[in-house]
Amino acid sequence: MAIIGWILSFTGLFGGLALRQDMPVGGSAALSTMLLILAVLACPPLWRSRPLGISRGQRVVGAMILLLSVPLMVLPST
């Protein structure tokens, strides 16, 4: 489970930073913020001692919500 957290954390971090640098689409600022939040939610060492009372299940649900809402951010708003 920890390796999946590390993979999601690094993917979210690098994706968010890349979007902050380039900003190719209209909603990329919100998308990069979502990816950076995903990186924090998925990082295993930050949540080892359960700070803020957030359990593993709540973090997984939050990460899934962020991942599933990415297509909504990419759609054009016309």
PDB file of N, CA and C in Angstrom:
ATOM      1  N   MET A   1       0.826  -1.195   0.000  1.00  0.00           N
ATOM      2  CA  MET A   1       0.000   0.000   0.000  1.00  0.00           C
ATOM      3  C   MET A   1       0.866   1.251   0.000  1.00  0.00           C
ATOM      4  N   ALA A   2       2.002   1.178   0.692  1.00  0.00           N
ATOM      5  CA  ALA A   2       2.875   2.346   0.755  1.00  0.00           C
ATOM      6  C   ALA A   2       3.479   2.670  -0.604  1.00  0.00           C
ATOM      7  N   ILE A   3       3.804   1.639  -1.386  1.00  0.00           N
ATOM      8  CA  ILE A   3       4.403   1.901  -2.701  1.00  0.00           C
ATOM      9  C   ILE A   3       3.398   2.596  -3.621  1.00  0.00           C
ATOM     10  N   ILE A   4       2.121   2.254  -3.501  1.00  0.00           N
ATOM     11  CA  ILE A   4       1.092   2.936  -4.297  1.00  0.00           C
ATOM     12  C   ILE A   4       0.992   4.395  -3.859  1.00  0.00           C
ATOM     13  N   GLY A   5       1.084   4.623  -2.556  1.00  0.00           N
ATOM     14  CA  GLY A   5       1.083   5.999  -2.053  1.00  0.00           C
ATOM     15  C   GLY A   5       2.252   6.804  -2.575  1.00  0.00           C
ATOM     16  N   TRP A   6       3.440   6.182  -2.595  1.00  0.00           N
ATOM     17  CA  TRP A   6       4.607   6.888  -3.124  1.00  0.00           C
ATOM     18  C   TRP A   6       4.454   7.193  -4.611  1.00  0.00           C
ATOM     19  N   ILE A   7       3.950   6.229  -5.364  1.00  0.00           N
ATOM     20  CA  ILE A   7       3.774   6.441  -6.807  1.00  0.00           C
ATOM     21  C   ILE A   7       2.774   7.568  -7.060  1.00  0.00           C
ATOM     22  N   LEU A   8       1.631   7.542  -6.360  1.00  0.00           N
ATOM     23  CA  LEU A   8       0.640   8.609  -6.529  1.00  0.00           C
ATOM     24  C   LEU A   8       1.183   9.957  -6.074  1.00  0.00           C
ATOM     25  N   SER A   9       1.971   9.946  -5.003  1.00  0.00           N
ATOM     26  CA  SER A   9       2.514  11.191  -4.489  1.00  0.00           C
ATOM     27  C   SER A   9       3.480  11.834  -5.482  1.00  0.00           C
ATOM     28  N   PHE A  10       4.409  11.039  -5.993  1.00  0.00           N
ATOM     29  CA  PHE A  10       5.362  11.593  -6.953  1.00  0.00           C
ATOM     30  C   PHE A  10       4.699  11.989  -8.271  1.00  0.00           C
ATOM     31  N   THR A  11       3.741  11.187  -8.720  1.00  0.00           N
ATOM     32  CA  THR A  11       3.027  11.517  -9.953  1.00  0.00           C
ATOM     33  C   THR A  11       2.249  12.820  -9.797  1.00  0.00           C
ATOM     34  N   GLY A  12       1.539  12.956  -8.695  1.00  0.00           N
ATOM     35  CA  GLY A  12       0.793  14.191  -8.449  1.00  0.00           C
ATOM     36  C   GLY A  12       1.703  15.398  -8.301  1.00  0.00           C
ATOM     37  N   LEU A  13       2.828  15.219  -7.582  1.00  0.00           N
ATOM     38  CA  LEU A  13       3.761  16.324  -7.395  1.00  0.00           C
ATOM     39  C   LEU A  13       4.359  16.794  -8.718  1.00  0.00           C
ATOM     40  N   PHE A  14       4.891  15.854  -9.494  1.00  0.00           N
ATOM     41  CA  PHE A  14       5.516  16.239 -10.757  1.00  0.00           C
ATOM     42  C   PHE A  14       4.503  16.760 -11.772  1.00  0.00           C
ATOM     43  N   GLY A  15       3.308  16.168 -11.805  1.00  0.00           N
ATOM     44  CA  GLY A  15       2.261  16.661 -12.705  1.00  0.00           C
ATOM     45  C   GLY A  15       1.807  18.055 -12.323  1.00  0.00           C
ATOM     46  N   GLY A  16       1.629  18.305 -11.021  1.00  0.00           N
ATOM     47  CA  GLY A  16       1.216  19.631 -10.560  1.00  0.00           C
ATOM     48  C   GLY A  16       2.267  20.691 -10.832  1.00  0.00           C
ATOM     49  N   LEU A  17       3.528  20.338 -10.601  1.00  0.00           N
ATOM     50  CA  LEU A  17       4.597  21.298 -10.875  1.00  0.00           C
ATOM     51  C   LEU A  17       4.751  21.578 -12.366  1.00  0.00           C
ATOM     52  N   ALA A  18       4.575  20.540 -13.193  1.00  0.00           N
ATOM     53  CA  ALA A  18       4.664  20.743 -14.642  1.00  0.00           C
ATOM     54  C   ALA A  18       3.539  21.640 -15.136  1.00  0.00           C
ATOM     55  N   LEU A  19       2.337  21.454 -14.603  1.00  0.00           N
ATOM     56  CA  LEU A  19       1.227  22.322 -15.008  1.00  0.00           C
ATOM     57  C   LEU A  19       1.429  23.753 -14.519  1.00  0.00           C
ATOM     58  N   ARG A  20       2.034  23.930 -13.355  1.00  0.00           N
ATOM     59  CA  ARG A  20       2.304  25.289 -12.861  1.00  0.00           C
ATOM     60  C   ARG A  20       3.301  26.008 -13.758  1.00  0.00           C
ATOM     61  N   GLN A  21       4.221  25.264 -14.358  1.00  0.00           N
ATOM     62  CA  GLN A  21       5.226  25.872 -15.223  1.00  0.00           C
ATOM     63  C   GLN A  21       4.664  26.255 -16.586  1.00  0.00           C
ATOM     64  N   ASP A  22       3.796  25.410 -17.154  1.00  0.00           N
ATOM     65  CA  ASP A  22       3.383  25.587 -18.543  1.00  0.00           C
ATOM     66  C   ASP A  22       2.010  26.224 -18.698  1.00  0.00           C
ATOM     67  N   MET A  23       0.996  25.827 -17.921  1.00  0.00           N
ATOM     68  CA  MET A  23      -0.384  26.302 -17.988  1.00  0.00           C
ATOM     69  C   MET A  23      -0.964  26.215 -19.413  1.00  0.00           C
ATOM     70  N   PRO A  24      -1.057  24.988 -20.000  1.00  0.00           N
ATOM     71  CA  PRO A  24      -1.497  24.861 -21.393  1.00  0.00           C
ATOM     72  C   PRO A  24      -2.992  25.048 -21.616  1.00  0.00           C
ATOM     73  N   VAL A  25      -3.859  24.684 -20.659  1.00  0.00           N
ATOM     74  CA  VAL A  25      -5.301  24.784 -20.853  1.00  0.00           C
ATOM     75  C   VAL A  25      -5.889  25.753 -19.838  1.00  0.00           C
ATOM     76  N   GLY A  26      -7.143  26.114 -20.047  1.00  0.00           N
ATOM     77  CA  GLY A  26      -7.788  27.113 -19.206  1.00  0.00           C
ATOM     78  C   GLY A  26      -7.908  26.741 -17.748  1.00  0.00           C
ATOM     79  N   GLY A  27      -8.182  25.490 -17.429  1.00  0.00           N
ATOM     80  CA  GLY A  27      -8.357  25.081 -16.046  1.00  0.00           C
ATOM     81  C   GLY A  27      -7.119  24.482 -15.420  1.00  0.00           C
ATOM     82  N   SER A  28      -5.950  24.770 -15.985  1.00  0.00           N
ATOM     83  CA  SER A  28      -4.738  24.112 -15.496  1.00  0.00           C
ATOM     84  C   SER A  28      -4.308  24.616 -14.121  1.00  0.00           C
ATOM     85  N   ALA A  29      -4.688  25.808 -13.726  1.00  0.00           N
ATOM     86  CA  ALA A  29      -4.328  26.287 -12.388  1.00  0.00           C
ATOM     87  C   ALA A  29      -5.067  25.473 -11.322  1.00  0.00           C
ATOM     88  N   ALA A  30      -6.351  25.243 -11.540  1.00  0.00           N
ATOM     89  CA  ALA A  30      -7.117  24.424 -10.595  1.00  0.00           C
ATOM     90  C   ALA A  30      -6.667  22.967 -10.643  1.00  0.00           C
ATOM     91  N   LEU A  31      -6.354  22.474 -11.836  1.00  0.00           N
ATOM     92  CA  LEU A  31      -5.901  21.101 -11.975  1.00  0.00           C
ATOM     93  C   LEU A  31      -4.557  20.885 -11.287  1.00  0.00           C
ATOM     94  N   SER A  32      -3.650  21.843 -11.412  1.00  0.00           N
ATOM     95  CA  SER A  32      -2.352  21.701 -10.750  1.00  0.00           C
ATOM     96  C   SER A  32      -2.498  21.760  -9.235  1.00  0.00           C
ATOM     97  N   THR A  33      -3.425  22.577  -8.749  1.00  0.00           N
ATOM     98  CA  THR A  33      -3.680  22.612  -7.308  1.00  0.00           C
ATOM     99  C   THR A  33      -4.238  21.282  -6.830  1.00  0.00           C
ATOM    100  N   MET A  34      -5.137  20.683  -7.616  1.00  0.00           N
ATOM    101  CA  MET A  34      -5.691  19.379  -7.257  1.00  0.00           C
ATOM    102  C   MET A  34      -4.602  18.309  -7.234  1.00  0.00           C
ATOM    103  N   LEU A  35      -3.682  18.360  -8.184  1.00  0.00           N
ATOM    104  CA  LEU A  35      -2.606  17.373  -8.215  1.00  0.00           C
ATOM    105  C   LEU A  35      -1.651  17.547  -7.033  1.00  0.00           C
ATOM    106  N   LEU A  36      -1.392  18.781  -6.643  1.00  0.00           N
ATOM    107  CA  LEU A  36      -0.525  19.009  -5.482  1.00  0.00           C
ATOM    108  C   LEU A  36      -1.208  18.553  -4.192  1.00  0.00           C
ATOM    109  N   ILE A  37      -2.515  18.736  -4.086  1.00  0.00           N
ATOM    110  CA  ILE A  37      -3.250  18.221  -2.921  1.00  0.00           C
ATOM    111  C   ILE A  37      -3.222  16.693  -2.927  1.00  0.00           C
ATOM    112  N   LEU A  38      -3.340  16.087  -4.099  1.00  0.00           N
ATOM    113  CA  LEU A  38      -3.236  14.637  -4.206  1.00  0.00           C
ATOM    114  C   LEU A  38      -1.869  14.157  -3.743  1.00  0.00           C
ATOM    115  N   ALA A  39      -0.814  14.905  -4.082  1.00  0.00           N
ATOM    116  CA  ALA A  39       0.530  14.522  -3.652  1.00  0.00           C
ATOM    117  C   ALA A  39       0.641  14.538  -2.132  1.00  0.00           C
ATOM    118  N   VAL A  40       0.019  15.511  -1.487  1.00  0.00           N
ATOM    119  CA  VAL A  40       0.053  15.572  -0.020  1.00  0.00           C
ATOM    120  C   VAL A  40      -0.795  14.452   0.583  1.00  0.00           C
ATOM    121  N   LEU A  41      -1.954  14.190   0.001  1.00  0.00           N
ATOM    122  CA  LEU A  41      -2.826  13.136   0.532  1.00  0.00           C
ATOM    123  C   LEU A  41      -2.215  11.747   0.381  1.00  0.00           C
ATOM    124  N   ALA A  42      -1.413  11.530  -0.638  1.00  0.00           N
ATOM    125  CA  ALA A  42      -0.878  10.200  -0.910  1.00  0.00           C
ATOM    126  C   ALA A  42       0.474   9.945  -0.263  1.00  0.00           C
ATOM    127  N   CYS A  43       1.123  10.948   0.297  1.00  0.00           N
ATOM    128  CA  CYS A  43       2.472  10.776   0.842  1.00  0.00           C
ATOM    129  C   CYS A  43       2.421   9.985   2.155  1.00  0.00           C
ATOM    130  N   PRO A  44       2.972   8.762   2.181  1.00  0.00           N
ATOM    131  CA  PRO A  44       2.871   7.910   3.374  1.00  0.00           C
ATOM    132  C   PRO A  44       3.538   8.464   4.641  1.00  0.00           C
ATOM    133  N   PRO A  45       4.724   9.065   4.600  1.00  0.00           N
ATOM    134  CA  PRO A  45       5.335   9.516   5.856  1.00  0.00           C
ATOM    135  C   PRO A  45       4.572  10.647   6.548  1.00  0.00           C
ATOM    136  N   LEU A  46       3.870  11.461   5.793  1.00  0.00           N
ATOM    137  CA  LEU A  46       3.131  12.560   6.411  1.00  0.00           C
ATOM    138  C   LEU A  46       1.967  12.074   7.255  1.00  0.00           C
ATOM    139  N   TRP A  47       1.407  10.925   6.916  1.00  0.00           N
ATOM    140  CA  TRP A  47       0.185  10.456   7.561  1.00  0.00           C
ATOM    141  C   TRP A  47       0.400   9.230   8.432  1.00  0.00           C
ATOM    142  N   ARG A  48       1.650   8.912   8.755  1.00  0.00           N
ATOM    143  CA  ARG A  48       1.935   7.720   9.542  1.00  0.00           C
ATOM    144  C   ARG A  48       1.326   7.798  10.940  1.00  0.00           C
ATOM    145  N   SER A  49       1.379   8.952  11.573  1.00  0.00           N
ATOM    146  CA  SER A  49       0.870   9.081  12.943  1.00  0.00           C
ATOM    147  C   SER A  49      -0.545   9.655  13.000  1.00  0.00           C
ATOM    148  N   ARG A  50      -1.248   9.677  11.891  1.00  0.00           N
ATOM    149  CA  ARG A  50      -2.631  10.163  11.788  1.00  0.00           C
ATOM    150  C   ARG A  50      -2.809  11.589  12.315  1.00  0.00           C
ATOM    151  N   PRO A  51      -2.115  12.572  11.757  1.00  0.00           N
ATOM    152  CA  PRO A  51      -2.360  13.946  12.187  1.00  0.00           C
ATOM    153  C   PRO A  51      -3.732  14.404  11.703  1.00  0.00           C
ATOM    154  N   LEU A  52      -4.311  15.327  12.401  1.00  0.00           N
ATOM    155  CA  LEU A  52      -5.625  15.895  12.088  1.00  0.00           C
ATOM    156  C   LEU A  52      -6.746  14.866  12.163  1.00  0.00           C
ATOM    157  N   GLY A  53      -6.468  13.662  12.644  1.00  0.00           N
ATOM    158  CA  GLY A  53      -7.502  12.641  12.790  1.00  0.00           C
ATOM    159  C   GLY A  53      -7.997  12.068  11.482  1.00  0.00           C
ATOM    160  N   ILE A  54      -7.234  12.174  10.417  1.00  0.00           N
ATOM    161  CA  ILE A  54      -7.655  11.665   9.105  1.00  0.00           C
ATOM    162  C   ILE A  54      -7.144  10.240   8.959  1.00  0.00           C
ATOM    163  N   SER A  55      -8.052   9.315   8.722  1.00  0.00           N
ATOM    164  CA  SER A  55      -7.678   7.909   8.593  1.00  0.00           C
ATOM    165  C   SER A  55      -7.251   7.595   7.160  1.00  0.00           C
ATOM    166  N   ARG A  56      -6.772   6.376   6.969  1.00  0.00           N
ATOM    167  CA  ARG A  56      -6.337   5.939   5.645  1.00  0.00           C
ATOM    168  C   ARG A  56      -7.500   5.913   4.669  1.00  0.00           C
ATOM    169  N   GLY A  57      -8.656   5.453   5.119  1.00  0.00           N
ATOM    170  CA  GLY A  57      -9.827   5.391   4.242  1.00  0.00           C
ATOM    171  C   GLY A  57     -10.274   6.764   3.769  1.00  0.00           C
ATOM    172  N   GLN A  58     -10.216   7.752   4.653  1.00  0.00           N
ATOM    173  CA  GLN A  58     -10.597   9.103   4.258  1.00  0.00           C
ATOM    174  C   GLN A  58      -9.616   9.679   3.248  1.00  0.00           C
ATOM    175  N   ARG A  59      -8.341   9.361   3.409  1.00  0.00           N
ATOM    176  CA  ARG A  59      -7.350   9.837   2.435  1.00  0.00           C
ATOM    177  C   ARG A  59      -7.543   9.173   1.085  1.00  0.00           C
ATOM    178  N   VAL A  60      -7.848   7.872   1.088  1.00  0.00           N
ATOM    179  CA  VAL A  60      -8.071   7.158  -0.171  1.00  0.00           C
ATOM    180  C   VAL A  60      -9.291   7.713  -0.893  1.00  0.00           C
ATOM    181  N   VAL A  61     -10.358   7.967  -0.157  1.00  0.00           N
ATOM    182  CA  VAL A  61     -11.566   8.530  -0.771  1.00  0.00           C
ATOM    183  C   VAL A  61     -11.279   9.929  -1.317  1.00  0.00           C
ATOM    184  N   GLY A  62     -10.545  10.741  -0.581  1.00  0.00           N
ATOM    185  CA  GLY A  62     -10.183  12.078  -1.066  1.00  0.00           C
ATOM    186  C   GLY A  62      -9.335  12.016  -2.325  1.00  0.00           C
ATOM    187  N   ALA A  63      -8.392  11.084  -2.375  1.00  0.00           N
ATOM    188  CA  ALA A  63      -7.556  10.929  -3.572  1.00  0.00           C
ATOM    189  C   ALA A  63      -8.381  10.445  -4.757  1.00  0.00           C
ATOM    190  N   MET A  64      -9.318   9.531  -4.514  1.00  0.00           N
ATOM    191  CA  MET A  64     -10.170   9.064  -5.604  1.00  0.00           C
ATOM    192  C   MET A  64     -11.067  10.182  -6.129  1.00  0.00           C
ATOM    193  N   ILE A  65     -11.587  11.011  -5.244  1.00  0.00           N
ATOM    194  CA  ILE A  65     -12.407  12.147  -5.683  1.00  0.00           C
ATOM    195  C   ILE A  65     -11.583  13.082  -6.550  1.00  0.00           C
ATOM    196  N   LEU A  66     -10.343  13.360  -6.142  1.00  0.00           N
ATOM    197  CA  LEU A  66      -9.493  14.237  -6.936  1.00  0.00           C
ATOM    198  C   LEU A  66      -9.173  13.624  -8.295  1.00  0.00           C
ATOM    199  N   LEU A  67      -8.879  12.333  -8.330  1.00  0.00           N
ATOM    200  CA  LEU A  67      -8.556  11.693  -9.603  1.00  0.00           C
ATOM    201  C   LEU A  67      -9.764  11.631 -10.540  1.00  0.00           C
ATOM    202  N   LEU A  68     -10.938  11.359  -9.989  1.00  0.00           N
ATOM    203  CA  LEU A  68     -12.121  11.241 -10.834  1.00  0.00           C
ATOM    204  C   LEU A  68     -12.676  12.590 -11.287  1.00  0.00           C
ATOM    205  N   SER A  69     -12.305  13.674 -10.622  1.00  0.00           N
ATOM    206  CA  SER A  69     -12.784  14.986 -11.048  1.00  0.00           C
ATOM    207  C   SER A  69     -11.854  15.661 -12.048  1.00  0.00           C
ATOM    208  N   VAL A  70     -10.751  15.027 -12.400  1.00  0.00           N
ATOM    209  CA  VAL A  70      -9.832  15.606 -13.385  1.00  0.00           C
ATOM    210  C   VAL A  70     -10.503  15.800 -14.746  1.00  0.00           C
ATOM    211  N   PRO A  71     -11.286  14.847 -15.273  1.00  0.00           N
ATOM    212  CA  PRO A  71     -11.930  15.109 -16.567  1.00  0.00           C
ATOM    213  C   PRO A  71     -12.864  16.296 -16.550  1.00  0.00           C
ATOM    214  N   LEU A  72     -13.491  16.580 -15.436  1.00  0.00           N
ATOM    215  CA  LEU A  72     -14.358  17.760 -15.355  1.00  0.00           C
ATOM    216  C   LEU A  72     -13.561  19.050 -15.483  1.00  0.00           C
ATOM    217  N   MET A  73     -12.337  19.052 -14.991  1.00  0.00           N
ATOM    218  CA  MET A  73     -11.508  20.251 -15.070  1.00  0.00           C
ATOM    219  C   MET A  73     -10.965  20.464 -16.482  1.00  0.00           C
ATOM    220  N   VAL A  74     -10.784  19.384 -17.223  1.00  0.00           N
ATOM    221  CA  VAL A  74     -10.183  19.478 -18.559  1.00  0.00           C
ATOM    222  C   VAL A  74     -11.214  19.852 -19.625  1.00  0.00           C
ATOM    223  N   LEU A  75     -12.501  19.539 -19.373  1.00  0.00           N
ATOM    224  CA  LEU A  75     -13.533  19.860 -20.348  1.00  0.00           C
ATOM    225  C   LEU A  75     -13.607  21.372 -20.608  1.00  0.00           C
ATOM    226  N   PRO A  76     -13.820  21.763 -21.845  1.00  0.00           N
ATOM    227  CA  PRO A  76     -13.976  23.201 -22.116  1.00  0.00           C
ATOM    228  C   PRO A  76     -15.286  23.727 -21.538  1.00  0.00           C
ATOM    229  N   SER A  77     -15.261  24.958 -21.101  1.00  0.00           N
ATOM    230  CA  SER A  77     -16.448  25.550 -20.468  1.00  0.00           C
ATOM    231  C   SER A  77     -17.207  26.454 -21.443  1.00  0.00           C
ATOM    232  N   THR A  78     -17.475  25.963 -22.633  1.00  0.00           N
ATOM    233  CA  THR A  78     -18.216  26.761 -23.617  1.00  0.00           C
ATOM    234  C   THR A  78     -19.641  26.325 -23.706  1.00  0.00           C
TER     235      THR A  78
END
